[in-house]
Amino acid sequence: MEKTKTELLLEEAKAICQRVTDRLDVSDDLLCSVFRRLELETDLLDEDLDEAAEALAQRGPMH
């Protein structure tokens, strides 16, 4: 079964926290903060990609 976006972001957040703190166990507060930041960045990137695709579609084929 394929992992959801949330599961992937949570795993990435946990890995970042573990690298930064050099500990396997990280606080829920830290994990939550990093997860929220990753989620926000991902959402912003998705919006930028959508806007770029829309702009290209409006231009039509290139000559």
PDB file of N, CA and C in Angstrom:
ATOM      1  N   MET A   1       0.832  -1.181   0.000  1.00  0.00           N
ATOM      2  CA  MET A   1       0.000   0.000   0.000  1.00  0.00           C
ATOM      3  C   MET A   1       0.881   1.251   0.000  1.00  0.00           C
ATOM      4  N   GLU A   2       0.510   2.188  -0.825  1.00  0.00           N
ATOM      5  CA  GLU A   2       1.283   3.426  -0.948  1.00  0.00           C
ATOM      6  C   GLU A   2       1.033   4.339   0.249  1.00  0.00           C
ATOM      7  N   LYS A   3       2.089   4.996   0.708  1.00  0.00           N
ATOM      8  CA  LYS A   3       1.966   5.887   1.858  1.00  0.00           C
ATOM      9  C   LYS A   3       1.303   7.194   1.440  1.00  0.00           C
ATOM     10  N   THR A   4       0.573   7.768   2.372  1.00  0.00           N
ATOM     11  CA  THR A   4      -0.084   9.043   2.111  1.00  0.00           C
ATOM     12  C   THR A   4       0.923  10.181   2.236  1.00  0.00           C
ATOM     13  N   LYS A   5       0.543  11.337   1.731  1.00  0.00           N
ATOM     14  CA  LYS A   5       1.383  12.530   1.843  1.00  0.00           C
ATOM     15  C   LYS A   5       1.677  12.828   3.314  1.00  0.00           C
ATOM     16  N   THR A   6       0.673  12.684   4.168  1.00  0.00           N
ATOM     17  CA  THR A   6       0.834  12.956   5.593  1.00  0.00           C
ATOM     18  C   THR A   6       1.847  12.001   6.219  1.00  0.00           C
ATOM     19  N   GLU A   7       1.755  10.735   5.884  1.00  0.00           N
ATOM     20  CA  GLU A   7       2.696   9.749   6.425  1.00  0.00           C
ATOM     21  C   GLU A   7       4.123  10.051   5.981  1.00  0.00           C
ATOM     22  N   LEU A   8       4.296  10.414   4.719  1.00  0.00           N
ATOM     23  CA  LEU A   8       5.622  10.732   4.212  1.00  0.00           C
ATOM     24  C   LEU A   8       6.195  11.973   4.886  1.00  0.00           C
ATOM     25  N   LEU A   9       5.358  12.995   5.076  1.00  0.00           N
ATOM     26  CA  LEU A   9       5.817  14.211   5.738  1.00  0.00           C
ATOM     27  C   LEU A   9       6.177  13.946   7.199  1.00  0.00           C
ATOM     28  N   LEU A  10       5.387  13.111   7.859  1.00  0.00           N
ATOM     29  CA  LEU A  10       5.660  12.788   9.252  1.00  0.00           C
ATOM     30  C   LEU A  10       6.988  12.039   9.388  1.00  0.00           C
ATOM     31  N   GLU A  11       7.241  11.102   8.495  1.00  0.00           N
ATOM     32  CA  GLU A  11       8.511  10.381   8.512  1.00  0.00           C
ATOM     33  C   GLU A  11       9.681  11.326   8.265  1.00  0.00           C
ATOM     34  N   GLU A  12       9.509  12.249   7.318  1.00  0.00           N
ATOM     35  CA  GLU A  12      10.568  13.213   7.029  1.00  0.00           C
ATOM     36  C   GLU A  12      10.803  14.137   8.223  1.00  0.00           C
ATOM     37  N   ALA A  13       9.711  14.585   8.850  1.00  0.00           N
ATOM     38  CA  ALA A  13       9.822  15.452  10.027  1.00  0.00           C
ATOM     39  C   ALA A  13      10.563  14.736  11.150  1.00  0.00           C
ATOM     40  N   LYS A  14      10.236  13.468  11.366  1.00  0.00           N
ATOM     41  CA  LYS A  14      10.899  12.704  12.423  1.00  0.00           C
ATOM     42  C   LYS A  14      12.386  12.552  12.138  1.00  0.00           C
ATOM     43  N   ALA A  15      12.735  12.277  10.884  1.00  0.00           N
ATOM     44  CA  ALA A  15      14.143  12.127  10.512  1.00  0.00           C
ATOM     45  C   ALA A  15      14.902  13.440  10.717  1.00  0.00           C
ATOM     46  N   ILE A  16      14.292  14.547  10.354  1.00  0.00           N
ATOM     47  CA  ILE A  16      14.928  15.856  10.551  1.00  0.00           C
ATOM     48  C   ILE A  16      15.157  16.107  12.037  1.00  0.00           C
ATOM     49  N   CYS A  17      14.144  15.862  12.843  1.00  0.00           N
ATOM     50  CA  CYS A  17      14.261  16.066  14.293  1.00  0.00           C
ATOM     51  C   CYS A  17      15.354  15.199  14.889  1.00  0.00           C
ATOM     52  N   GLN A  18      15.434  13.950  14.454  1.00  0.00           N
ATOM     53  CA  GLN A  18      16.453  13.041  14.973  1.00  0.00           C
ATOM     54  C   GLN A  18      17.857  13.495  14.591  1.00  0.00           C
ATOM     55  N   ARG A  19      18.015  13.992  13.366  1.00  0.00           N
ATOM     56  CA  ARG A  19      19.335  14.484  12.937  1.00  0.00           C
ATOM     57  C   ARG A  19      19.739  15.724  13.719  1.00  0.00           C
ATOM     58  N   VAL A  20      18.803  16.632  13.909  1.00  0.00           N
ATOM     59  CA  VAL A  20      19.114  17.895  14.578  1.00  0.00           C
ATOM     60  C   VAL A  20      19.422  17.681  16.059  1.00  0.00           C
ATOM     61  N   THR A  21      18.632  16.838  16.720  1.00  0.00           N
ATOM     62  CA  THR A  21      18.811  16.629  18.156  1.00  0.00           C
ATOM     63  C   THR A  21      19.804  15.517  18.475  1.00  0.00           C
ATOM     64  N   ASP A  22      20.149  14.718  17.460  1.00  0.00           N
ATOM     65  CA  ASP A  22      21.021  13.559  17.636  1.00  0.00           C
ATOM     66  C   ASP A  22      20.443  12.571  18.649  1.00  0.00           C
ATOM     67  N   ARG A  23      19.112  12.461  18.645  1.00  0.00           N
ATOM     68  CA  ARG A  23      18.410  11.519  19.531  1.00  0.00           C
ATOM     69  C   ARG A  23      17.343  10.788  18.724  1.00  0.00           C
ATOM     70  N   LEU A  24      17.079   9.550  19.097  1.00  0.00           N
ATOM     71  CA  LEU A  24      16.020   8.799  18.435  1.00  0.00           C
ATOM     72  C   LEU A  24      14.640   9.238  18.905  1.00  0.00           C
ATOM     73  N   ASP A  25      14.526   9.531  20.197  1.00  0.00           N
ATOM     74  CA  ASP A  25      13.253  10.001  20.741  1.00  0.00           C
ATOM     75  C   ASP A  25      13.221  11.524  20.685  1.00  0.00           C
ATOM     76  N   VAL A  26      12.207  12.057  20.031  1.00  0.00           N
ATOM     77  CA  VAL A  26      12.065  13.509  19.937  1.00  0.00           C
ATOM     78  C   VAL A  26      10.726  13.910  20.543  1.00  0.00           C
ATOM     79  N   SER A  27      10.662  15.133  21.030  1.00  0.00           N
ATOM     80  CA  SER A  27       9.429  15.591  21.671  1.00  0.00           C
ATOM     81  C   SER A  27       8.316  15.747  20.643  1.00  0.00           C
ATOM     82  N   ASP A  28       7.116  15.544  21.095  1.00  0.00           N
ATOM     83  CA  ASP A  28       5.950  15.709  20.230  1.00  0.00           C
ATOM     84  C   ASP A  28       5.825  17.137  19.734  1.00  0.00           C
ATOM     85  N   ASP A  29       6.170  18.105  20.586  1.00  0.00           N
ATOM     86  CA  ASP A  29       6.086  19.513  20.200  1.00  0.00           C
ATOM     87  C   ASP A  29       7.033  19.825  19.042  1.00  0.00           C
ATOM     88  N   LEU A  30       8.261  19.338  19.149  1.00  0.00           N
ATOM     89  CA  LEU A  30       9.236  19.564  18.084  1.00  0.00           C
ATOM     90  C   LEU A  30       8.791  18.875  16.803  1.00  0.00           C
ATOM     91  N   LEU A  31       8.382  17.636  16.925  1.00  0.00           N
ATOM     92  CA  LEU A  31       7.931  16.877  15.765  1.00  0.00           C
ATOM     93  C   LEU A  31       6.748  17.574  15.091  1.00  0.00           C
ATOM     94  N   CYS A  32       5.816  18.039  15.880  1.00  0.00           N
ATOM     95  CA  CYS A  32       4.635  18.725  15.345  1.00  0.00           C
ATOM     96  C   CYS A  32       5.029  20.010  14.619  1.00  0.00           C
ATOM     97  N   SER A  33       5.948  20.766  15.197  1.00  0.00           N
ATOM     98  CA  SER A  33       6.389  22.026  14.580  1.00  0.00           C
ATOM     99  C   SER A  33       7.070  21.780  13.236  1.00  0.00           C
ATOM    100  N   VAL A  34       7.958  20.802  13.195  1.00  0.00           N
ATOM    101  CA  VAL A  34       8.656  20.493  11.950  1.00  0.00           C
ATOM    102  C   VAL A  34       7.677  19.952  10.914  1.00  0.00           C
ATOM    103  N   PHE A  35       6.754  19.102  11.334  1.00  0.00           N
ATOM    104  CA  PHE A  35       5.750  18.569  10.418  1.00  0.00           C
ATOM    105  C   PHE A  35       4.921  19.694   9.803  1.00  0.00           C
ATOM    106  N   ARG A  36       4.469  20.621  10.628  1.00  0.00           N
ATOM    107  CA  ARG A  36       3.657  21.739  10.126  1.00  0.00           C
ATOM    108  C   ARG A  36       4.433  22.576   9.119  1.00  0.00           C
ATOM    109  N   ARG A  37       5.707  22.797   9.389  1.00  0.00           N
ATOM    110  CA  ARG A  37       6.538  23.574   8.472  1.00  0.00           C
ATOM    111  C   ARG A  37       6.687  22.847   7.140  1.00  0.00           C
ATOM    112  N   LEU A  38       6.949  21.556   7.182  1.00  0.00           N
ATOM    113  CA  LEU A  38       7.065  20.775   5.945  1.00  0.00           C
ATOM    114  C   LEU A  38       5.762  20.777   5.173  1.00  0.00           C
ATOM    115  N   GLU A  39       4.659  20.653   5.882  1.00  0.00           N
ATOM    116  CA  GLU A  39       3.345  20.651   5.238  1.00  0.00           C
ATOM    117  C   GLU A  39       3.082  21.993   4.553  1.00  0.00           C
ATOM    118  N   LEU A  40       3.409  23.078   5.236  1.00  0.00           N
ATOM    119  CA  LEU A  40       3.228  24.408   4.670  1.00  0.00           C
ATOM    120  C   LEU A  40       4.090  24.580   3.425  1.00  0.00           C
ATOM    121  N   GLU A  41       5.351  24.190   3.502  1.00  0.00           N
ATOM    122  CA  GLU A  41       6.242  24.307   2.347  1.00  0.00           C
ATOM    123  C   GLU A  41       5.747  23.472   1.172  1.00  0.00           C
ATOM    124  N   THR A  42       5.267  22.277   1.447  1.00  0.00           N
ATOM    125  CA  THR A  42       4.750  21.402   0.397  1.00  0.00           C
ATOM    126  C   THR A  42       3.513  22.009  -0.253  1.00  0.00           C
ATOM    127  N   ASP A  43       2.617  22.551   0.561  1.00  0.00           N
ATOM    128  CA  ASP A  43       1.409  23.181   0.026  1.00  0.00           C
ATOM    129  C   ASP A  43       1.750  24.384  -0.841  1.00  0.00           C
ATOM    130  N   LEU A  44       2.716  25.193  -0.399  1.00  0.00           N
ATOM    131  CA  LEU A  44       3.126  26.357  -1.180  1.00  0.00           C
ATOM    132  C   LEU A  44       3.762  25.934  -2.498  1.00  0.00           C
ATOM    133  N   LEU A  45       4.577  24.892  -2.472  1.00  0.00           N
ATOM    134  CA  LEU A  45       5.199  24.384  -3.682  1.00  0.00           C
ATOM    135  C   LEU A  45       4.138  23.861  -4.643  1.00  0.00           C
ATOM    136  N   ASP A  46       3.155  23.132  -4.123  1.00  0.00           N
ATOM    137  CA  ASP A  46       2.073  22.620  -4.960  1.00  0.00           C
ATOM    138  C   ASP A  46       1.313  23.766  -5.629  1.00  0.00           C
ATOM    139  N   GLU A  47       1.049  24.842  -4.877  1.00  0.00           N
ATOM    140  CA  GLU A  47       0.349  25.995  -5.430  1.00  0.00           C
ATOM    141  C   GLU A  47       1.180  26.655  -6.529  1.00  0.00           C
ATOM    142  N   ASP A  48       2.484  26.791  -6.304  1.00  0.00           N
ATOM    143  CA  ASP A  48       3.370  27.384  -7.309  1.00  0.00           C
ATOM    144  C   ASP A  48       3.382  26.560  -8.587  1.00  0.00           C
ATOM    145  N   LEU A  49       3.424  25.241  -8.449  1.00  0.00           N
ATOM    146  CA  LEU A  49       3.426  24.367  -9.618  1.00  0.00           C
ATOM    147  C   LEU A  49       2.108  24.462 -10.370  1.00  0.00           C
ATOM    148  N   ASP A  50       0.997  24.529  -9.638  1.00  0.00           N
ATOM    149  CA  ASP A  50      -0.314  24.679 -10.270  1.00  0.00           C
ATOM    150  C   ASP A  50      -0.410  25.984 -11.043  1.00  0.00           C
ATOM    151  N   GLU A  51       0.087  27.074 -10.451  1.00  0.00           N
ATOM    152  CA  GLU A  51       0.059  28.377 -11.115  1.00  0.00           C
ATOM    153  C   GLU A  51       0.936  28.375 -12.362  1.00  0.00           C
ATOM    154  N   ALA A  52       2.083  27.743 -12.296  1.00  0.00           N
ATOM    155  CA  ALA A  52       2.983  27.677 -13.444  1.00  0.00           C
ATOM    156  C   ALA A  52       2.355  26.862 -14.574  1.00  0.00           C
ATOM    157  N   ALA A  53       1.719  25.765 -14.228  1.00  0.00           N
ATOM    158  CA  ALA A  53       1.062  24.937 -15.238  1.00  0.00           C
ATOM    159  C   ALA A  53      -0.083  25.701 -15.891  1.00  0.00           C
ATOM    160  N   GLU A  54      -0.823  26.445 -15.102  1.00  0.00           N
ATOM    161  CA  GLU A  54      -1.932  27.232 -15.633  1.00  0.00           C
ATOM    162  C   GLU A  54      -1.420  28.323 -16.576  1.00  0.00           C
ATOM    163  N   ALA A  55      -0.326  28.974 -16.193  1.00  0.00           N
ATOM    164  CA  ALA A  55       0.253  30.023 -17.034  1.00  0.00           C
ATOM    165  C   ALA A  55       0.730  29.453 -18.364  1.00  0.00           C
ATOM    166  N   LEU A  56       1.342  28.278 -18.327  1.00  0.00           N
ATOM    167  CA  LEU A  56       1.790  27.641 -19.565  1.00  0.00           C
ATOM    168  C   LEU A  56       0.608  27.258 -20.446  1.00  0.00           C
ATOM    169  N   ALA A  57      -0.450  26.768 -19.837  1.00  0.00           N
ATOM    170  CA  ALA A  57      -1.636  26.370 -20.597  1.00  0.00           C
ATOM    171  C   ALA A  57      -2.278  27.580 -21.271  1.00  0.00           C
ATOM    172  N   GLN A  58      -2.253  28.735 -20.627  1.00  0.00           N
ATOM    173  CA  GLN A  58      -2.856  29.925 -21.200  1.00  0.00           C
ATOM    174  C   GLN A  58      -2.056  30.475 -22.368  1.00  0.00           C
ATOM    175  N   ARG A  59      -0.749  30.217 -22.377  1.00  0.00           N
ATOM    176  CA  ARG A  59       0.105  30.694 -23.465  1.00  0.00           C
ATOM    177  C   ARG A  59      -0.130  29.937 -24.753  1.00  0.00           C
ATOM    178  N   GLY A  60      -0.518  28.699 -24.645  1.00  0.00           N
ATOM    179  CA  GLY A  60      -0.704  27.873 -25.834  1.00  0.00           C
ATOM    180  C   GLY A  60       0.594  27.243 -26.259  1.00  0.00           C
ATOM    181  N   PRO A  61       0.574  26.554 -27.396  1.00  0.00           N
ATOM    182  CA  PRO A  61       1.777  25.871 -27.865  1.00  0.00           C
ATOM    183  C   PRO A  61       2.880  26.865 -28.230  1.00  0.00           C
ATOM    184  N   MET A  62       4.123  26.440 -27.979  1.00  0.00           N
ATOM    185  CA  MET A  62       5.264  27.289 -28.309  1.00  0.00           C
ATOM    186  C   MET A  62       5.616  27.121 -29.772  1.00  0.00           C
ATOM    187  N   HIS A  63       6.097  28.177 -30.398  1.00  0.00           N
ATOM    188  CA  HIS A  63       6.461  28.137 -31.820  1.00  0.00           C
ATOM    189  C   HIS A  63       7.942  28.119 -31.988  1.00  0.00           C
TER     190      HIS A  63
END
